[in-house]
Protein backbone atom coordinates (compact mmCIF):
# COMPACT_ATOMS: atom_id res chain seq x y z
CA MET A 1 110.67 169.65 65.85
CA LYS A 2 109.85 166.66 67.78
CA LYS A 3 113.00 164.13 67.25
CA ASN A 4 114.84 167.76 69.06
CA PHE A 5 112.68 167.63 71.86
CA ILE A 6 113.09 163.64 72.25
CA LEU A 7 116.78 164.62 72.55
CA LEU A 8 116.58 167.22 74.81
CA LEU A 9 114.93 164.65 77.42
CA PHE A 10 118.02 162.41 77.31
CA LEU A 11 120.61 165.18 77.40
CA PRO A 12 120.66 164.52 80.83
CA PHE A 13 121.54 160.74 80.94
CA TRP A 14 123.83 161.27 78.14
CA ALA A 15 125.86 164.01 80.07
CA GLY A 16 125.79 161.79 83.44
CA LEU A 17 127.51 159.23 80.84
CA LEU A 18 130.13 161.50 79.68
CA ASN A 19 131.13 162.71 82.66
CA GLY A 20 132.02 159.39 83.94
CA GLN A 21 129.38 158.90 86.92
CA THR A 22 129.57 155.14 87.43
CA LYS A 23 127.67 152.81 90.26
CA ALA A 24 130.61 152.21 91.89
CA ASP A 25 130.53 156.48 92.31
CA LEU A 26 127.50 155.51 93.92
CA VAL A 27 127.59 153.14 95.95
CA SER A 28 131.32 154.81 97.23
CA CYS A 29 128.73 157.68 98.33
CA LEU A 30 126.18 155.27 99.76
CA LYS A 31 128.62 153.62 102.53
CA ILE A 32 130.10 157.02 103.15
CA ALA A 33 126.75 158.60 104.06
CA LEU A 34 125.67 155.20 106.26
CA ALA A 35 128.93 154.96 108.03
CA SER A 36 128.71 158.53 109.33
CA PRO A 37 129.22 158.43 113.15
CA GLU A 38 125.80 159.51 113.46
CA MET A 39 123.66 157.56 110.81
CA GLU A 40 126.03 154.24 112.84
CA THR A 41 124.78 155.45 115.98
CA ALA A 42 121.55 155.66 115.14
CA PHE A 43 121.30 152.18 113.59
CA THR A 44 123.29 150.82 116.43
CA GLN A 45 120.56 151.77 119.57
CA GLU A 46 117.90 151.29 117.05
CA TRP A 47 118.44 147.16 116.00
CA GLY A 48 122.19 146.90 116.42
CA ASP A 49 123.84 144.86 114.02
CA ALA A 50 121.40 142.00 113.36
CA ARG A 51 118.58 143.91 111.09
CA PRO A 52 119.25 143.91 107.18
CA LEU A 53 118.28 147.58 105.78
CA TYR A 54 115.98 147.48 102.74
CA LEU A 55 117.33 149.97 100.71
CA GLN A 56 114.01 150.91 98.11
CA LYS A 57 115.14 151.30 94.54
CA PRO A 58 113.46 154.22 92.80
CA GLU A 59 110.22 153.30 90.80
CA ARG A 60 110.88 153.43 87.03
CA GLN A 61 109.54 156.74 85.27
CA SER A 62 108.83 157.13 81.80
CA ILE A 63 110.06 160.85 81.65
CA GLY A 64 112.22 162.93 83.14
CA ARG A 65 114.42 160.24 84.62
CA GLN A 66 117.12 161.56 86.20
CA PRO A 67 120.90 159.50 85.55
CA VAL A 68 121.27 158.84 89.04
CA GLU A 69 117.92 156.77 89.16
CA GLU A 70 118.68 154.25 86.48
CA LEU A 71 121.98 153.72 89.14
CA MET A 72 120.52 153.34 91.87
CA ARG A 73 118.01 150.43 90.19
CA GLN A 74 121.81 148.58 89.47
CA LEU A 75 122.15 148.40 92.89
CA GLU A 76 122.55 144.94 94.28
CA VAL A 77 123.50 143.03 97.44
CA GLU A 78 127.12 142.21 95.89
CA ASP A 79 127.47 146.34 96.04
CA PHE A 80 127.27 145.86 99.61
CA ASN A 81 129.38 143.01 100.51
CA GLY A 82 131.61 143.60 103.22
CA PHE A 83 129.99 146.77 104.74
CA GLN A 84 129.18 146.91 108.36
CA TRP A 85 125.43 146.43 108.10
CA GLU A 86 123.78 144.05 105.70
CA VAL A 87 122.06 146.33 102.85
CA ILE A 88 119.49 145.13 100.58
CA PRO A 89 118.60 146.67 97.55
CA MET A 90 114.81 145.86 96.14
CA ASP A 91 112.11 146.79 94.37
CA ARG A 92 108.81 148.12 95.81
CA GLU A 93 106.80 144.91 94.64
CA ALA A 94 109.44 142.75 96.62
CA ILE A 95 109.46 145.18 100.06
CA GLN A 96 105.47 144.82 100.07
CA GLN A 97 105.94 140.73 100.08
CA LEU A 98 108.59 141.48 103.49
CA PRO A 99 106.66 140.85 106.63
CA VAL A 100 105.28 143.75 108.15
CA ASN A 101 107.75 144.26 110.36
CA GLU A 102 110.54 144.64 108.10
CA GLN A 103 108.30 147.16 105.93
CA GLU A 104 107.50 149.48 108.39
CA PHE A 105 111.12 150.05 110.16
CA GLY A 106 113.69 148.22 108.25
CA VAL A 107 112.93 150.08 104.68
CA LEU A 108 115.38 152.73 103.86
CA THR A 109 114.28 155.59 101.12
CA LEU A 110 116.60 157.07 98.99
CA GLY A 111 116.74 159.90 97.06
CA ALA A 112 120.17 161.53 94.88
CA SER A 113 120.76 164.04 92.80
CA TYR A 114 124.29 165.08 90.77
CA ARG A 115 125.22 168.59 90.83
CA GLU A 116 127.56 171.30 89.78
CA ALA A 117 128.93 169.69 86.66
CA TRP A 118 128.92 165.78 88.05
CA SER A 119 130.96 166.09 90.77
CA THR A 120 128.87 166.76 93.49
CA LEU A 121 125.61 164.32 94.86
CA SER A 122 123.29 164.73 97.61
CA ILE A 123 122.42 162.09 99.53
CA ASN A 124 118.75 162.23 101.33
CA LEU A 125 118.17 159.08 103.57
CA PHE A 126 114.53 158.41 105.13
CA VAL A 127 113.59 155.09 107.64
CA ASN A 128 111.31 154.33 110.12
CA LEU A 129 112.95 153.26 113.60
CA PRO A 130 111.53 150.44 116.11
CA ARG A 131 112.01 152.40 118.79
CA TYR A 132 108.64 153.77 120.64
CA PRO A 133 107.12 156.17 120.76
CA ARG A 134 107.51 156.14 116.65
CA SER A 135 110.52 158.01 115.25
CA GLU A 136 112.55 158.22 112.40
CA LEU A 137 115.70 158.91 111.06
CA THR A 138 116.85 161.43 108.36
CA GLY A 139 120.28 161.93 106.47
CA SER A 140 120.96 164.52 104.08
CA PHE A 141 124.61 164.28 102.56
CA VAL A 142 126.35 166.71 99.86
CA LEU A 143 129.36 164.43 99.12
CA GLU A 144 132.15 166.26 96.60
CA LYS A 145 134.78 164.14 94.21
CA VAL A 146 138.09 165.76 94.94
CA ASN A 147 140.82 163.87 93.40
CA GLY A 148 139.20 161.25 92.55
CA ALA A 149 137.78 160.61 95.84
CA TRP A 150 134.51 161.28 97.56
CA GLN A 151 134.34 163.32 100.52
CA THR A 152 131.54 164.31 102.69
CA ILE A 153 131.40 168.38 102.51
CA GLN A 154 127.82 169.00 104.18
CA LYS A 155 125.44 166.69 106.46
CA SER A 156 122.86 166.57 108.70
CA VAL A 157 121.48 163.79 110.47
CA GLU A 158 117.88 164.22 113.03
CA VAL A 159 115.86 161.46 114.77
CA ARG A 160 112.83 162.74 115.07
CA PRO A 161 109.98 161.56 117.52
């Protein structure tokens, strides 16, 4: 019985592998979300092209891991070469070593999950913005893989004081 329970815990991970979701799929979706006109406008108005975005990788969890979290942990700087902003994936420990102003205003928190037979990906982004009074940017995107290409089917981007 215990063996069957353990197999059930790994079922979502294996399903993701069997359905072919890759780090390249995740990176494509992230680039689409970050390059949306609403996100681009907010980033450009807040700190221009010079400031990097530190993408916080999820922490490791021993139980209930999602396959997309494993993919997020594999993200590297090279995955974002040629992108309009410098995106630097980092774990929490590395982020804590950054200067205080970078920790406070440059860390992009990411949440993502696959749904609907692994052909749809939901992405949630959050970052504090350096403008005063303090504001924050949140973005929610739903992307769907159609004919081998990812397309945004739903999005919401807000800058809140």
